Amino acid sequence: MEVVVTARNCEISDRYREHAAEKLARLEKHDHRIMRVHVEVDCEANPRQHDRAVHVELTAFSKGPVIRAEAAADDKMGALDLAVDKMAAQMRRAADRRRVHRGQKTPVSVGQALAEVDALAAAAEAPEDDAPLERKVGPIAVVGDGPLVVREKTHPASPMTLDQALYEMELVGHDFYLFVDKDSERPSVVYRRRGYDYGVIALDLGAQE
């Protein structure tokens, strides 16, 4: 397995590279298909963020889905160890999820999920006393005086089954996963509820026609 270490705002010693290779080699027992792991180390000079001064992001490339994990600590070794432990936990969880019989643990239906979303939206729209004023930032409405931060990402995607989307969600360590359903060809989101309980929301692009 190849380990590539890059850094921003700091230097990486040979000892650190050896430590990273040794730690990451342990991941092969969870996924023997891993071919390369990219370790990105970012050192933050802000003294107010001393306990999170170093951010490490791991990206593992294999014959299967890409796996990502990240962590922050007050030093490079600590951040690396936390990120590796997190990636190992994600791999174990993904493997466990694949062993759960689909007939015993099925995601919440789209109808039920949408009903819950509608209920949350209705509660959010309910008028409240002393509610913060809404302001416009370009085409986006912002409530209150808090700053607006918009982060945009675009990822290549291929249609996949719901089972594959659940598996890849576990591998990246997120609580939701956006995908195109292979069966319905609809943009969909699967999200974590409790344990192995999941919900699914799908968009019907032809509903307004």
C-alpha atoms as a PDB file:
ATOM      1  CA  MET A   1       0.000   0.000   0.000  1.00  0.00           C
ATOM      2  CA  GLU A   2       1.380   3.382  -1.020  1.00  0.00           C
ATOM      3  CA  VAL A   3       1.222   6.261   1.492  1.00  0.00           C
ATOM      4  CA  VAL A   4       1.555   9.824   0.187  1.00  0.00           C
ATOM      5  CA  VAL A   5       1.969  12.602   2.785  1.00  0.00           C
ATOM      6  CA  THR A   6       1.573  16.279   1.876  1.00  0.00           C
ATOM      7  CA  ALA A   7       1.493  19.334   4.119  1.00  0.00           C
ATOM      8  CA  ARG A   8       0.344  22.925   4.161  1.00  0.00           C
ATOM      9  CA  ASN A   9       1.862  25.558   6.472  1.00  0.00           C
ATOM     10  CA  CYS A  10       4.232  23.029   8.077  1.00  0.00           C
ATOM     11  CA  GLU A  11       7.028  20.584   7.359  1.00  0.00           C
ATOM     12  CA  ILE A  12       6.831  16.788   7.548  1.00  0.00           C
ATOM     13  CA  SER A  13       9.732  14.774   8.969  1.00  0.00           C
ATOM     14  CA  ASP A  14      10.823  11.311   7.833  1.00  0.00           C
ATOM     15  CA  ARG A  15       9.831  10.003  11.268  1.00  0.00           C
ATOM     16  CA  TYR A  16       6.289  11.274  10.729  1.00  0.00           C
ATOM     17  CA  ARG A  17       6.087   9.635   7.309  1.00  0.00           C
ATOM     18  CA  GLU A  18       7.261   6.323   8.791  1.00  0.00           C
ATOM     19  CA  HIS A  19       4.730   6.619  11.618  1.00  0.00           C
ATOM     20  CA  ALA A  20       1.937   7.333   9.112  1.00  0.00           C
ATOM     21  CA  ALA A  21       2.898   4.322   6.973  1.00  0.00           C
ATOM     22  CA  GLU A  22       2.976   2.058  10.039  1.00  0.00           C
ATOM     23  CA  LYS A  23      -0.403   3.232  11.344  1.00  0.00           C
ATOM     24  CA  LEU A  24      -2.133   3.100   7.969  1.00  0.00           C
ATOM     25  CA  ALA A  25      -0.844  -0.397   7.226  1.00  0.00           C
ATOM     26  CA  ARG A  26      -3.192  -1.640   9.960  1.00  0.00           C
ATOM     27  CA  LEU A  27      -6.173  -0.597   7.841  1.00  0.00           C
ATOM     28  CA  GLU A  28      -5.463  -3.400   5.387  1.00  0.00           C
ATOM     29  CA  LYS A  29      -6.979  -5.910   7.811  1.00  0.00           C
ATOM     30  CA  HIS A  30     -10.304  -4.069   7.382  1.00  0.00           C
ATOM     31  CA  ASP A  31     -10.027  -3.585   3.616  1.00  0.00           C
ATOM     32  CA  HIS A  32      -7.343  -5.497   1.743  1.00  0.00           C
ATOM     33  CA  ARG A  33      -8.224  -3.693  -1.502  1.00  0.00           C
ATOM     34  CA  ILE A  34      -6.626  -0.394  -0.429  1.00  0.00           C
ATOM     35  CA  MET A  35      -3.928   0.626  -2.900  1.00  0.00           C
ATOM     36  CA  ARG A  36      -3.028   4.164  -1.851  1.00  0.00           C
ATOM     37  CA  VAL A  37      -3.707   6.536   1.046  1.00  0.00           C
ATOM     38  CA  HIS A  38      -3.247  10.285   0.752  1.00  0.00           C
ATOM     39  CA  VAL A  39      -2.463  12.036   4.046  1.00  0.00           C
ATOM     40  CA  GLU A  40      -2.982  15.804   3.988  1.00  0.00           C
ATOM     41  CA  VAL A  41      -1.659  17.705   7.023  1.00  0.00           C
ATOM     42  CA  ASP A  42      -2.773  21.308   7.523  1.00  0.00           C
ATOM     43  CA  CYS A  43      -1.260  23.351  10.368  1.00  0.00           C
ATOM     44  CA  GLU A  44      -3.331  26.282  11.671  1.00  0.00           C
ATOM     45  CA  ALA A  45      -1.388  29.228  13.082  1.00  0.00           C
ATOM     46  CA  ASN A  46      -4.367  30.748  14.932  1.00  0.00           C
ATOM     47  CA  PRO A  47      -3.516  30.675  18.687  1.00  0.00           C
ATOM     48  CA  ARG A  48      -7.236  30.570  19.532  1.00  0.00           C
ATOM     49  CA  GLN A  49      -7.419  27.142  17.890  1.00  0.00           C
ATOM     50  CA  HIS A  50      -4.445  25.650  19.715  1.00  0.00           C
ATOM     51  CA  ASP A  51      -6.239  22.422  20.627  1.00  0.00           C
ATOM     52  CA  ARG A  52      -7.131  21.990  16.937  1.00  0.00           C
ATOM     53  CA  ALA A  53      -3.944  23.454  15.508  1.00  0.00           C
ATOM     54  CA  VAL A  54      -3.318  20.497  13.180  1.00  0.00           C
ATOM     55  CA  HIS A  55      -5.933  19.080  10.828  1.00  0.00           C
ATOM     56  CA  VAL A  56      -5.320  15.745   9.097  1.00  0.00           C
ATOM     57  CA  GLU A  57      -7.448  14.430   6.256  1.00  0.00           C
ATOM     58  CA  LEU A  58      -7.079  10.855   5.001  1.00  0.00           C
ATOM     59  CA  THR A  59      -8.267   9.681   1.593  1.00  0.00           C
ATOM     60  CA  ALA A  60      -7.946   5.962   0.857  1.00  0.00           C
ATOM     61  CA  PHE A  61      -8.157   4.774  -2.750  1.00  0.00           C
ATOM     62  CA  SER A  62      -8.981   1.150  -3.454  1.00  0.00           C
ATOM     63  CA  LYS A  63     -10.732  -1.052  -5.986  1.00  0.00           C
ATOM     64  CA  GLY A  64     -13.938  -0.097  -4.174  1.00  0.00           C
ATOM     65  CA  PRO A  65     -15.339   3.275  -3.059  1.00  0.00           C
ATOM     66  CA  VAL A  66     -13.066   6.088  -1.884  1.00  0.00           C
ATOM     67  CA  ILE A  67     -12.846   6.284   1.910  1.00  0.00           C
ATOM     68  CA  ARG A  68     -12.303   9.569   3.772  1.00  0.00           C
ATOM     69  CA  ALA A  69     -11.722  10.542   7.377  1.00  0.00           C
ATOM     70  CA  GLU A  70     -10.447  13.666   9.108  1.00  0.00           C
ATOM     71  CA  ALA A  71      -9.509  14.796  12.599  1.00  0.00           C
ATOM     72  CA  ALA A  72      -7.858  17.689  14.419  1.00  0.00           C
ATOM     73  CA  ALA A  73      -5.593  17.851  17.467  1.00  0.00           C
ATOM     74  CA  ASP A  74      -2.872  20.008  18.999  1.00  0.00           C
ATOM     75  CA  ASP A  75      -0.045  18.140  17.223  1.00  0.00           C
ATOM     76  CA  LYS A  76       0.554  16.223  13.994  1.00  0.00           C
ATOM     77  CA  MET A  77       0.928  12.795  15.626  1.00  0.00           C
ATOM     78  CA  GLY A  78      -2.272  13.138  17.640  1.00  0.00           C
ATOM     79  CA  ALA A  79      -4.320  14.319  14.671  1.00  0.00           C
ATOM     80  CA  LEU A  80      -3.028  11.450  12.529  1.00  0.00           C
ATOM     81  CA  ASP A  81      -3.814   8.827  15.166  1.00  0.00           C
ATOM     82  CA  LEU A  82      -7.362  10.187  15.598  1.00  0.00           C
ATOM     83  CA  ALA A  83      -7.976  10.218  11.840  1.00  0.00           C
ATOM     84  CA  VAL A  84      -6.690   6.644  11.408  1.00  0.00           C
ATOM     85  CA  ASP A  85      -8.857   5.414  14.288  1.00  0.00           C
ATOM     86  CA  LYS A  86     -11.864   7.170  12.741  1.00  0.00           C
ATOM     87  CA  MET A  87     -11.236   5.590   9.343  1.00  0.00           C
ATOM     88  CA  ALA A  88     -10.883   2.142  10.910  1.00  0.00           C
ATOM     89  CA  ALA A  89     -14.194   2.637  12.753  1.00  0.00           C
ATOM     90  CA  GLN A  90     -15.889   3.668   9.505  1.00  0.00           C
ATOM     91  CA  MET A  91     -14.587   0.551   7.766  1.00  0.00           C
ATOM     92  CA  ARG A  92     -15.836  -1.681  10.596  1.00  0.00           C
ATOM     93  CA  ARG A  93     -19.235  -0.006  10.589  1.00  0.00           C
ATOM     94  CA  ALA A  94     -19.542  -0.364   6.816  1.00  0.00           C
ATOM     95  CA  ALA A  95     -18.620  -4.052   7.035  1.00  0.00           C
ATOM     96  CA  ASP A  96     -21.128  -4.581   9.865  1.00  0.00           C
ATOM     97  CA  ARG A  97     -23.861  -2.834   7.903  1.00  0.00           C
ATOM     98  CA  ARG A  98     -23.313  -5.123   4.923  1.00  0.00           C
ATOM     99  CA  ARG A  99     -23.815  -8.109   7.223  1.00  0.00           C
ATOM    100  CA  VAL A 100     -27.216  -6.861   8.356  1.00  0.00           C
ATOM    101  CA  HIS A 101     -29.903  -8.714   6.435  1.00  0.00           C
ATOM    102  CA  ARG A 102     -31.763  -6.322   4.200  1.00  0.00           C
ATOM    103  CA  GLY A 103     -35.096  -7.926   5.011  1.00  0.00           C
ATOM    104  CA  GLN A 104     -34.604  -7.306   8.723  1.00  0.00           C
ATOM    105  CA  LYS A 105     -33.315  -3.752   8.576  1.00  0.00           C
ATOM    106  CA  THR A 106     -34.842  -1.699   5.792  1.00  0.00           C
ATOM    107  CA  PRO A 107     -34.708   2.084   5.426  1.00  0.00           C
ATOM    108  CA  VAL A 108     -37.729   4.188   6.293  1.00  0.00           C
ATOM    109  CA  SER A 109     -40.052   4.621   3.331  1.00  0.00           C
ATOM    110  CA  VAL A 110     -39.832   7.752   1.207  1.00  0.00           C
ATOM    111  CA  GLY A 111     -43.398   8.691   2.174  1.00  0.00           C
ATOM    112  CA  GLN A 112     -42.669   8.477   5.887  1.00  0.00           C
ATOM    113  CA  ALA A 113     -39.433  10.392   5.502  1.00  0.00           C
ATOM    114  CA  LEU A 114     -41.141  13.170   3.548  1.00  0.00           C
ATOM    115  CA  ALA A 115     -43.910  13.379   6.135  1.00  0.00           C
ATOM    116  CA  GLU A 116     -41.307  13.927   8.854  1.00  0.00           C
ATOM    117  CA  VAL A 117     -39.584  16.589   6.772  1.00  0.00           C
ATOM    118  CA  ASP A 118     -42.916  18.375   6.162  1.00  0.00           C
ATOM    119  CA  ALA A 119     -43.602  18.354   9.913  1.00  0.00           C
ATOM    120  CA  LEU A 120     -40.198  19.837  10.673  1.00  0.00           C
ATOM    121  CA  ALA A 121     -40.659  22.481   7.983  1.00  0.00           C
ATOM    122  CA  ALA A 122     -44.075  23.441   9.362  1.00  0.00           C
ATOM    123  CA  ALA A 123     -42.628  23.804  12.848  1.00  0.00           C
ATOM    124  CA  ALA A 124     -39.807  25.941  11.531  1.00  0.00           C
ATOM    125  CA  GLU A 125     -42.249  28.239   9.711  1.00  0.00           C
ATOM    126  CA  ALA A 126     -44.463  28.743  12.778  1.00  0.00           C
ATOM    127  CA  PRO A 127     -44.374  32.414  13.914  1.00  0.00           C
ATOM    128  CA  GLU A 128     -42.547  33.141  17.154  1.00  0.00           C
ATOM    129  CA  ASP A 129     -42.388  36.239  19.327  1.00  0.00           C
ATOM    130  CA  ASP A 130     -39.239  38.301  18.852  1.00  0.00           C
ATOM    131  CA  ALA A 131     -38.290  36.208  15.810  1.00  0.00           C
ATOM    132  CA  PRO A 132     -35.101  37.452  14.106  1.00  0.00           C
ATOM    133  CA  LEU A 133     -35.564  39.533  10.970  1.00  0.00           C
ATOM    134  CA  GLU A 134     -34.943  38.048   7.572  1.00  0.00           C
ATOM    135  CA  ARG A 135     -32.472  39.721   5.237  1.00  0.00           C
ATOM    136  CA  LYS A 136     -31.398  39.062   1.666  1.00  0.00           C
ATOM    137  CA  VAL A 137     -27.842  38.159   0.677  1.00  0.00           C
ATOM    138  CA  GLY A 138     -28.039  38.024  -3.100  1.00  0.00           C
ATOM    139  CA  PRO A 139     -30.704  35.427  -3.971  1.00  0.00           C
ATOM    140  CA  ILE A 140     -30.531  33.783  -0.529  1.00  0.00           C
ATOM    141  CA  ALA A 141     -32.701  34.725   2.464  1.00  0.00           C
ATOM    142  CA  VAL A 142     -30.783  34.834   5.761  1.00  0.00           C
ATOM    143  CA  VAL A 143     -32.442  34.947   9.194  1.00  0.00           C
ATOM    144  CA  GLY A 144     -30.731  37.014  11.892  1.00  0.00           C
ATOM    145  CA  ASP A 145     -27.374  38.743  11.862  1.00  0.00           C
ATOM    146  CA  GLY A 146     -25.168  35.658  11.653  1.00  0.00           C
ATOM    147  CA  PRO A 147     -22.624  35.380   8.839  1.00  0.00           C
ATOM    148  CA  LEU A 148     -23.535  33.519   5.677  1.00  0.00           C
ATOM    149  CA  VAL A 149     -21.107  30.818   4.595  1.00  0.00           C
ATOM    150  CA  VAL A 150     -21.793  28.934   1.381  1.00  0.00           C
ATOM    151  CA  ARG A 151     -19.500  26.059   0.481  1.00  0.00           C
ATOM    152  CA  GLU A 152     -20.117  24.477  -2.875  1.00  0.00           C
ATOM    153  CA  LYS A 153     -18.839  21.084  -3.980  1.00  0.00           C
ATOM    154  CA  THR A 154     -19.355  19.097  -7.147  1.00  0.00           C
ATOM    155  CA  HIS A 155     -18.645  15.373  -7.274  1.00  0.00           C
ATOM    156  CA  PRO A 156     -18.798  12.931 -10.186  1.00  0.00           C
ATOM    157  CA  ALA A 157     -21.545  10.371  -9.684  1.00  0.00           C
ATOM    158  CA  SER A 158     -22.827   7.169 -11.224  1.00  0.00           C
ATOM    159  CA  PRO A 159     -26.287   5.696 -10.526  1.00  0.00           C
ATOM    160  CA  MET A 160     -26.177   3.177  -7.675  1.00  0.00           C
ATOM    161  CA  THR A 161     -28.456   0.999  -5.590  1.00  0.00           C
ATOM    162  CA  LEU A 162     -29.657   1.995  -2.143  1.00  0.00           C
ATOM    163  CA  ASP A 163     -27.457  -0.672  -0.533  1.00  0.00           C
ATOM    164  CA  GLN A 164     -24.370   0.752  -2.245  1.00  0.00           C
ATOM    165  CA  ALA A 165     -25.295   4.295  -1.161  1.00  0.00           C
ATOM    166  CA  LEU A 166     -25.612   3.143   2.463  1.00  0.00           C
ATOM    167  CA  TYR A 167     -22.253   1.390   2.232  1.00  0.00           C
ATOM    168  CA  GLU A 168     -20.493   4.439   0.791  1.00  0.00           C
ATOM    169  CA  MET A 169     -22.112   6.736   3.371  1.00  0.00           C
ATOM    170  CA  GLU A 170     -20.521   4.653   6.117  1.00  0.00           C
ATOM    171  CA  LEU A 171     -17.122   4.753   4.410  1.00  0.00           C
ATOM    172  CA  VAL A 172     -17.011   8.560   4.269  1.00  0.00           C
ATOM    173  CA  GLY A 173     -18.305   8.850   7.842  1.00  0.00           C
ATOM    174  CA  HIS A 174     -21.209  11.184   7.057  1.00  0.00           C
ATOM    175  CA  ASP A 175     -24.772  11.185   8.397  1.00  0.00           C
ATOM    176  CA  PHE A 176     -26.230  11.538   4.905  1.00  0.00           C
ATOM    177  CA  TYR A 177     -25.331  10.613   1.333  1.00  0.00           C
ATOM    178  CA  LEU A 178     -26.559  12.141  -1.933  1.00  0.00           C
ATOM    179  CA  PHE A 179     -26.855   9.757  -4.888  1.00  0.00           C
ATOM    180  CA  VAL A 180     -28.806   8.936  -8.040  1.00  0.00           C
ATOM    181  CA  ASP A 181     -30.984   5.866  -7.518  1.00  0.00           C
ATOM    182  CA  LYS A 182     -30.185   3.219 -10.132  1.00  0.00           C
ATOM    183  CA  ASP A 183     -33.719   1.797 -10.128  1.00  0.00           C
ATOM    184  CA  SER A 184     -35.816   4.992 -10.169  1.00  0.00           C
ATOM    185  CA  GLU A 185     -33.172   7.316 -11.730  1.00  0.00           C
ATOM    186  CA  ARG A 186     -34.178   9.933  -9.137  1.00  0.00           C
ATOM    187  CA  PRO A 187     -31.813  12.165  -7.144  1.00  0.00           C
ATOM    188  CA  SER A 188     -32.038  10.784  -3.606  1.00  0.00           C
ATOM    189  CA  VAL A 189     -30.588  11.250  -0.137  1.00  0.00           C
ATOM    190  CA  VAL A 190     -30.152   8.509   2.431  1.00  0.00           C
ATOM    191  CA  TYR A 191     -29.614   9.667   6.009  1.00  0.00           C
ATOM    192  CA  ARG A 192     -28.835   8.106   9.360  1.00  0.00           C
ATOM    193  CA  ARG A 193     -31.519   7.946  12.040  1.00  0.00           C
ATOM    194  CA  ARG A 194     -30.576   5.582  14.888  1.00  0.00           C
ATOM    195  CA  GLY A 195     -28.090   2.709  14.752  1.00  0.00           C
ATOM    196  CA  TYR A 196     -28.878   0.831  11.538  1.00  0.00           C
ATOM    197  CA  ASP A 197     -32.105   2.771  11.034  1.00  0.00           C
ATOM    198  CA  TYR A 198     -32.014   4.932   7.896  1.00  0.00           C
ATOM    199  CA  GLY A 199     -34.326   7.250   5.995  1.00  0.00           C
ATOM    200  CA  VAL A 200     -34.513   8.017   2.286  1.00  0.00           C
ATOM    201  CA  ILE A 201     -35.704  11.165   0.518  1.00  0.00           C
ATOM    202  CA  ALA A 202     -36.095  11.176  -3.275  1.00  0.00           C
ATOM    203  CA  LEU A 203     -36.896  13.983  -5.726  1.00  0.00           C
ATOM    204  CA  ASP A 204     -39.569  13.430  -8.376  1.00  0.00           C
ATOM    205  CA  LEU A 205     -38.340  15.601 -11.254  1.00  0.00           C
ATOM    206  CA  GLY A 206     -41.548  15.105 -13.217  1.00  0.00           C
ATOM    207  CA  ALA A 207     -43.970  16.051 -10.423  1.00  0.00           C
ATOM    208  CA  GLN A 208     -44.435  19.643 -11.682  1.00  0.00           C
ATOM    209  CA  GLU A 209     -45.051  18.722 -15.330  1.00  0.00           C
END
